[in-house]
Protein backbone atom coordinates (compact mmCIF):
# COMPACT_ATOMS: atom_id res chain seq x y z
CA MET A 1 -19.42 14.12 27.28
CA GLU A 2 -22.48 13.58 25.08
CA GLN A 3 -21.79 16.96 23.43
CA LEU A 4 -18.20 15.93 22.66
CA LYS A 5 -19.41 12.62 21.25
CA GLY A 6 -21.82 14.46 18.96
CA ILE A 7 -19.06 16.76 17.72
CA SER A 8 -16.66 13.87 17.01
CA ILE A 9 -19.36 12.06 15.02
CA PHE A 10 -20.13 15.27 13.13
CA VAL A 11 -16.45 15.70 12.19
CA GLU A 12 -16.17 12.04 11.16
CA THR A 13 -19.31 12.39 9.01
CA VAL A 14 -17.83 15.38 7.16
CA GLU A 15 -14.48 13.62 6.65
CA ALA A 16 -16.13 10.38 5.52
CA GLY A 17 -18.39 12.16 3.05
CA GLY A 18 -21.75 11.04 4.40
CA PHE A 19 -23.75 9.26 7.08
CA SER A 20 -23.28 5.73 5.72
CA ALA A 21 -19.50 6.01 5.30
CA ALA A 22 -19.17 7.54 8.79
CA ALA A 23 -21.25 4.71 10.23
CA ASP A 24 -18.87 2.17 8.68
CA ARG A 25 -15.81 3.94 10.08
CA LEU A 26 -17.32 4.31 13.55
CA HIS A 27 -18.90 0.84 13.64
CA LEU A 28 -22.34 2.38 14.20
CA THR A 29 -25.60 2.13 12.32
CA ARG A 30 -26.50 4.82 9.81
CA SER A 31 -29.55 5.57 11.94
CA ALA A 32 -27.39 6.18 15.03
CA VAL A 33 -25.20 8.64 13.11
CA GLY A 34 -28.26 10.43 11.70
CA LYS A 35 -29.88 10.73 15.13
CA THR A 36 -26.68 12.10 16.67
CA ILE A 37 -26.42 14.76 13.95
CA ALA A 38 -30.10 15.61 14.38
CA ARG A 39 -29.67 16.10 18.15
CA LEU A 40 -26.62 18.29 17.52
CA GLU A 41 -28.59 20.41 15.04
CA GLN A 42 -31.45 20.73 17.52
CA ARG A 43 -29.10 21.85 20.29
CA LEU A 44 -27.37 24.40 18.03
CA GLY A 45 -30.58 25.59 16.41
CA VAL A 46 -29.17 25.34 12.87
CA ARG A 47 -29.16 22.80 10.02
CA LEU A 48 -25.65 21.41 9.49
CA PHE A 49 -26.36 19.19 6.47
CA ASN A 50 -28.52 19.46 3.39
CA ARG A 51 -30.04 16.00 3.02
CA THR A 52 -31.32 14.20 -0.05
CA THR A 53 -32.17 10.54 -0.54
CA ARG A 54 -28.73 9.94 -2.09
CA MET A 55 -26.26 12.26 -0.33
CA GLN A 56 -25.58 14.83 2.37
CA SER A 57 -23.74 18.11 1.93
CA LEU A 58 -22.72 20.76 4.43
CA THR A 59 -24.75 23.93 4.76
CA GLU A 60 -22.95 27.25 5.12
CA GLU A 61 -23.48 27.03 8.88
CA GLY A 62 -22.22 23.45 8.80
CA ARG A 63 -18.97 24.46 7.05
CA PHE A 64 -18.40 27.24 9.60
CA PHE A 65 -19.03 24.89 12.52
CA TYR A 66 -16.85 22.13 11.01
CA GLU A 67 -13.82 24.43 10.69
CA HIS A 68 -13.99 25.24 14.40
CA CYS A 69 -14.74 21.67 15.49
CA LEU A 70 -11.86 20.32 13.40
CA ARG A 71 -9.35 22.50 15.22
CA ALA A 72 -10.55 21.16 18.55
CA VAL A 73 -10.57 17.54 17.39
CA GLU A 74 -7.07 17.88 15.91
CA GLU A 75 -5.80 19.23 19.22
CA ILE A 76 -7.31 16.23 21.01
CA ARG A 77 -5.78 13.84 18.46
CA LEU A 78 -2.39 15.52 18.83
CA GLY A 79 -2.60 15.28 22.62
CA GLU A 80 -3.43 11.57 22.39
CA ALA A 81 -0.55 11.00 19.98
CA MET A 82 1.91 12.80 22.26
CA LEU A 83 0.74 10.79 25.24
CA GLU A 84 0.89 7.54 23.30
CA SER A 85 4.37 8.36 21.99
CA GLY A 86 5.60 8.36 25.59
CA ARG A 87 4.38 4.82 26.23
CA ARG A 88 6.62 1.82 25.89
CA ASP A 89 3.80 -0.50 24.96
CA VAL A 90 2.13 -0.41 21.54
CA ARG A 91 -1.62 -0.74 21.39
CA GLY A 92 -4.67 -0.13 19.26
CA ARG A 93 -5.67 -0.96 15.70
CA LEU A 94 -3.17 -0.41 12.89
CA ARG A 95 -4.68 -0.24 9.39
CA ILE A 96 -2.21 -0.91 6.56
CA SER A 97 -2.75 -1.09 2.79
CA MET A 98 -0.32 -3.08 0.62
CA PRO A 99 0.00 -4.57 -2.89
CA VAL A 100 -1.62 -8.00 -3.10
CA LEU A 101 1.26 -10.32 -4.02
CA PHE A 102 4.12 -8.41 -2.40
CA GLY A 103 1.99 -7.91 0.70
CA ARG A 104 1.03 -11.55 0.97
CA ARG A 105 4.54 -12.93 0.30
CA CYS A 106 6.72 -10.42 2.14
CA ILE A 107 4.96 -7.73 4.19
CA ALA A 108 2.21 -9.59 6.05
CA PRO A 109 4.43 -12.41 7.40
CA ILE A 110 6.71 -9.82 9.01
CA LEU A 111 3.95 -7.65 10.46
CA GLU A 112 2.01 -10.60 11.83
CA THR A 113 4.92 -11.41 14.15
CA LEU A 114 4.19 -8.12 15.94
CA LEU A 115 1.00 -9.65 17.32
CA ASP A 116 3.11 -12.10 19.34
CA GLU A 117 5.32 -9.34 20.67
CA HIS A 118 2.57 -6.78 21.44
CA PRO A 119 -0.63 -8.33 22.85
CA ASP A 120 -2.55 -5.02 22.79
CA LEU A 121 -1.87 -4.39 19.09
CA GLU A 122 -4.49 -5.13 16.41
CA LEU A 123 -3.64 -5.41 12.70
CA ASP A 124 -6.09 -4.61 9.90
CA LEU A 125 -4.28 -5.50 6.66
CA SER A 126 -5.80 -4.65 3.27
CA PHE A 127 -4.43 -6.20 0.06
CA ASN A 128 -5.10 -4.01 -2.97
CA ASP A 129 -3.03 -3.07 -6.01
CA ARG A 130 -4.66 0.32 -6.40
CA VAL A 131 -3.06 3.38 -4.80
CA VAL A 132 -5.34 4.13 -1.86
CA ASP A 133 -6.02 7.58 -0.43
CA LEU A 134 -4.76 7.15 3.12
CA LEU A 135 -6.69 10.10 4.51
CA GLU A 136 -9.95 9.38 2.74
CA ASP A 137 -9.85 5.61 3.28
CA GLY A 138 -8.67 5.83 6.89
CA PHE A 139 -5.34 3.97 6.64
CA ASP A 140 -2.48 4.54 9.09
CA LEU A 141 0.15 3.25 6.67
CA ALA A 142 0.54 2.08 3.07
CA ILE A 143 3.24 0.11 1.28
CA ARG A 144 4.02 1.41 -2.21
CA ASN A 145 6.24 -0.03 -4.94
CA SER A 146 5.71 2.84 -7.36
CA PRO A 147 7.81 6.03 -7.20
CA LEU A 148 6.52 8.48 -4.60
CA LYS A 149 4.90 11.69 -5.77
CA ASP A 150 5.18 14.96 -3.88
CA ASN A 151 2.27 15.23 -1.49
CA PRO A 152 2.28 17.72 1.40
CA ASP A 153 -0.17 15.53 3.34
CA LEU A 154 2.03 12.42 3.33
CA MET A 155 5.43 11.29 4.52
CA GLY A 156 7.47 8.37 3.18
CA ARG A 157 10.46 6.18 3.95
CA ALA A 158 12.28 3.58 1.85
CA ILE A 159 12.00 0.19 3.54
CA ALA A 160 13.75 -2.18 1.09
CA ARG A 161 14.99 -2.54 -2.49
CA HIS A 162 13.41 -4.64 -5.19
CA ARG A 163 15.76 -6.27 -7.70
CA LEU A 164 14.25 -7.64 -10.90
CA THR A 165 15.97 -10.52 -12.64
CA VAL A 166 15.62 -12.38 -15.94
CA CYS A 167 15.04 -16.09 -15.46
CA ALA A 168 13.87 -19.16 -17.35
CA SER A 169 13.33 -22.86 -16.81
CA PRO A 170 16.09 -25.43 -17.52
CA THR A 171 13.82 -26.86 -20.24
CA TYR A 172 13.57 -23.53 -22.07
CA LEU A 173 17.30 -22.88 -21.79
CA GLU A 174 18.21 -26.35 -23.09
CA LYS A 175 16.00 -25.77 -26.12
CA HIS A 176 16.73 -22.11 -26.90
CA GLY A 177 19.93 -21.28 -25.07
CA ALA A 178 20.47 -18.43 -22.65
CA PRO A 179 20.84 -14.76 -23.62
CA GLN A 180 24.44 -13.69 -23.14
CA THR A 181 23.68 -9.96 -23.01
CA VAL A 182 20.51 -7.90 -22.72
CA PHE A 183 20.70 -7.28 -26.48
CA ASP A 184 19.97 -10.99 -27.05
CA ILE A 185 16.59 -10.68 -25.34
CA PRO A 186 14.60 -9.60 -28.45
CA GLN A 187 15.48 -12.97 -30.04
CA HIS A 188 13.83 -14.85 -27.16
CA GLU A 189 10.25 -15.62 -26.22
CA GLY A 190 9.23 -13.61 -23.19
CA ILE A 191 6.31 -13.71 -20.78
CA VAL A 192 5.25 -10.10 -20.41
CA TYR A 193 3.34 -8.39 -17.61
CA ARG A 194 0.43 -6.43 -19.00
CA ARG A 195 -2.24 -4.42 -17.20
CA GLY A 196 -4.95 -2.83 -19.32
CA ASP A 197 -3.32 -1.23 -22.34
CA ASP A 198 0.04 -0.92 -20.60
CA ASP A 199 2.78 -3.41 -21.45
CA ARG A 200 5.33 -3.12 -18.67
CA GLY A 201 8.55 -2.92 -20.65
CA TRP A 202 11.71 -4.71 -19.55
CA ILE A 203 13.97 -1.94 -18.31
CA PHE A 204 17.75 -2.31 -18.10
CA PRO A 205 19.09 1.05 -16.93
CA THR A 206 22.41 2.63 -17.80
CA ALA A 207 23.89 5.92 -16.67
CA ALA A 208 23.14 7.40 -20.09
CA ASP A 209 19.63 5.93 -20.34
CA PRO A 210 18.01 5.00 -17.01
CA ARG A 211 14.78 3.99 -18.81
CA ARG A 212 16.39 1.81 -21.50
CA ARG A 213 13.82 -0.77 -22.64
CA ILE A 214 14.74 -4.03 -24.34
CA PRO A 215 11.58 -6.10 -24.87
CA PRO A 216 11.50 -9.79 -25.82
CA LYS A 217 9.16 -11.37 -28.33
CA ALA A 218 5.88 -11.65 -26.46
CA ARG A 219 3.18 -14.09 -27.42
CA LEU A 220 2.06 -14.55 -23.82
CA ARG A 221 0.92 -11.59 -21.73
CA LEU A 222 -0.39 -11.92 -18.19
CA ASP A 223 -1.53 -9.43 -15.56
CA ASP A 224 -0.40 -11.49 -12.56
CA LEU A 225 3.24 -11.89 -11.53
CA ALA A 226 2.69 -15.27 -9.90
CA ALA A 227 1.13 -16.55 -13.12
CA ILE A 228 4.18 -15.31 -15.04
CA SER A 229 6.43 -17.25 -12.68
CA ASP A 230 4.33 -20.39 -13.19
CA ALA A 231 4.49 -19.98 -16.97
CA ALA A 232 8.26 -19.55 -16.83
CA VAL A 233 8.59 -22.76 -14.79
CA ALA A 234 6.50 -24.46 -17.48
CA GLY A 235 9.09 -23.42 -20.10
CA ARG A 236 7.05 -20.75 -21.89
CA GLY A 237 9.92 -18.27 -22.12
CA LEU A 238 12.05 -15.76 -20.28
CA ALA A 239 10.48 -13.90 -17.36
CA TRP A 240 11.50 -10.59 -15.80
CA LEU A 241 10.45 -10.81 -12.17
CA PRO A 242 11.32 -9.62 -8.65
CA CYS A 243 13.93 -11.78 -6.95
CA TRP A 244 11.72 -12.21 -3.87
CA LEU A 245 9.04 -13.81 -6.03
CA VAL A 246 11.26 -16.40 -7.75
CA ARG A 247 13.63 -17.11 -4.85
CA GLU A 248 12.12 -20.51 -3.99
CA GLU A 249 11.89 -21.53 -7.63
CA VAL A 250 15.56 -20.63 -8.16
CA LEU A 251 16.68 -22.48 -5.02
CA ALA A 252 14.74 -25.55 -6.16
CA GLY A 253 16.27 -25.37 -9.65
CA ARG A 254 12.91 -24.87 -11.38
CA LEU A 255 14.13 -21.48 -12.64
CA ILE A 256 17.61 -20.28 -13.50
CA GLN A 257 18.70 -16.65 -13.39
CA VAL A 258 20.41 -15.52 -16.59
CA LEU A 259 22.54 -12.45 -17.42
CA LYS A 260 24.82 -10.72 -14.95
CA PRO A 261 23.43 -9.34 -11.67
CA GLU A 262 24.47 -5.80 -12.61
CA THR A 263 21.92 -5.83 -15.44
CA ALA A 264 19.07 -6.03 -12.91
CA ASN A 265 16.68 -3.15 -12.46
CA VAL A 266 16.53 -1.97 -8.83
CA PHE A 267 13.92 0.25 -7.21
CA ASP A 268 12.72 1.06 -3.70
CA ALA A 269 9.67 -0.07 -1.78
CA HIS A 270 8.31 2.67 0.48
CA ALA A 271 6.18 3.01 3.57
CA VAL A 272 3.84 6.03 3.37
CA TRP A 273 1.79 7.54 6.17
CA PRO A 274 -0.25 10.73 6.85
CA ARG A 275 1.87 13.70 7.87
CA SER A 276 1.58 14.41 11.61
CA PRO A 277 3.56 16.37 14.23
CA VAL A 278 4.00 13.15 16.21
CA MET A 279 4.32 9.64 14.74
CA LEU A 280 2.19 7.09 16.58
CA PRO A 281 4.27 4.34 18.21
CA LYS A 282 2.36 1.60 16.36
CA VAL A 283 3.20 3.22 13.01
CA ARG A 284 6.85 3.71 13.95
CA LEU A 285 7.06 0.10 15.14
CA ALA A 286 5.68 -1.27 11.85
CA ILE A 287 8.06 0.83 9.74
CA ASP A 288 11.13 0.09 11.84
CA THR A 289 10.32 -3.63 11.81
CA LEU A 290 9.98 -3.68 8.02
CA VAL A 291 13.24 -1.75 7.58
CA ALA A 292 15.04 -4.27 9.80
CA ARG A 293 13.54 -7.52 8.45
CA LEU A 294 12.29 -6.95 4.91
CA PRO A 295 15.65 -6.71 3.05
CA ALA A 296 16.46 -10.33 4.01
CA MET A 297 13.33 -11.47 2.16
CA MET A 298 13.99 -9.54 -1.04
CA GLY A 299 16.47 -12.01 -2.55
């Protein structure tokens, strides 16, 4: 058993990219990982890693040994997944990455209900707007709002549809009037989402031009959607925002949706997970739950 433990730590160290990262993943100290690798090297009679003060890299013998160990570990992982897929109960830690605002407002409240229904399930939710590497960062699942790119290592499923709407406060509309068509938008003040050098244009698709952009005048640019909603409520201009974000403001009358619903831009939110012969029950449960419950929150 000690030999198997040493091999699993060796494989994790290679996949994590070093002793420190492997220690974090395994909840061990760096010293414990280093000593385990040293004992494995002593037993095998070869050096598996070249070590410097800043990094570790596989030796030629280490690469050869890793390829063989990985096959064995993958077989064990597959066997565990197949056994777990036959269980009715869902257990273990589920690590999920999601966009900050969308995750906090829509995804997390749904997933947290699973803790009440499955006492052996643990949730580790990470809120980050960057596109994480699921395999490198050790996530079981990620929620993505951007279009999916072809990746042979990943699988994806649409879980809900975003609909973006143009809205403004009653104060702004009383003073400036409401745009009657999308072509009136350039005559209005708009609050524009901007990240870095990228102004996210207001897109109103047609069959002939699915990327048709019609921008407003923009004297106020913000890189936070919630801040844009707040500025719109304050009467600073038109805002182009997801319906799920402004739903409460619209219901309370603090914002009013303008233009016809068919002018809205619609795109999918996706769940993405590492490709595997067998989907773990905890991953399937999270995806199925989001597919069933998320559309009602999207507005």
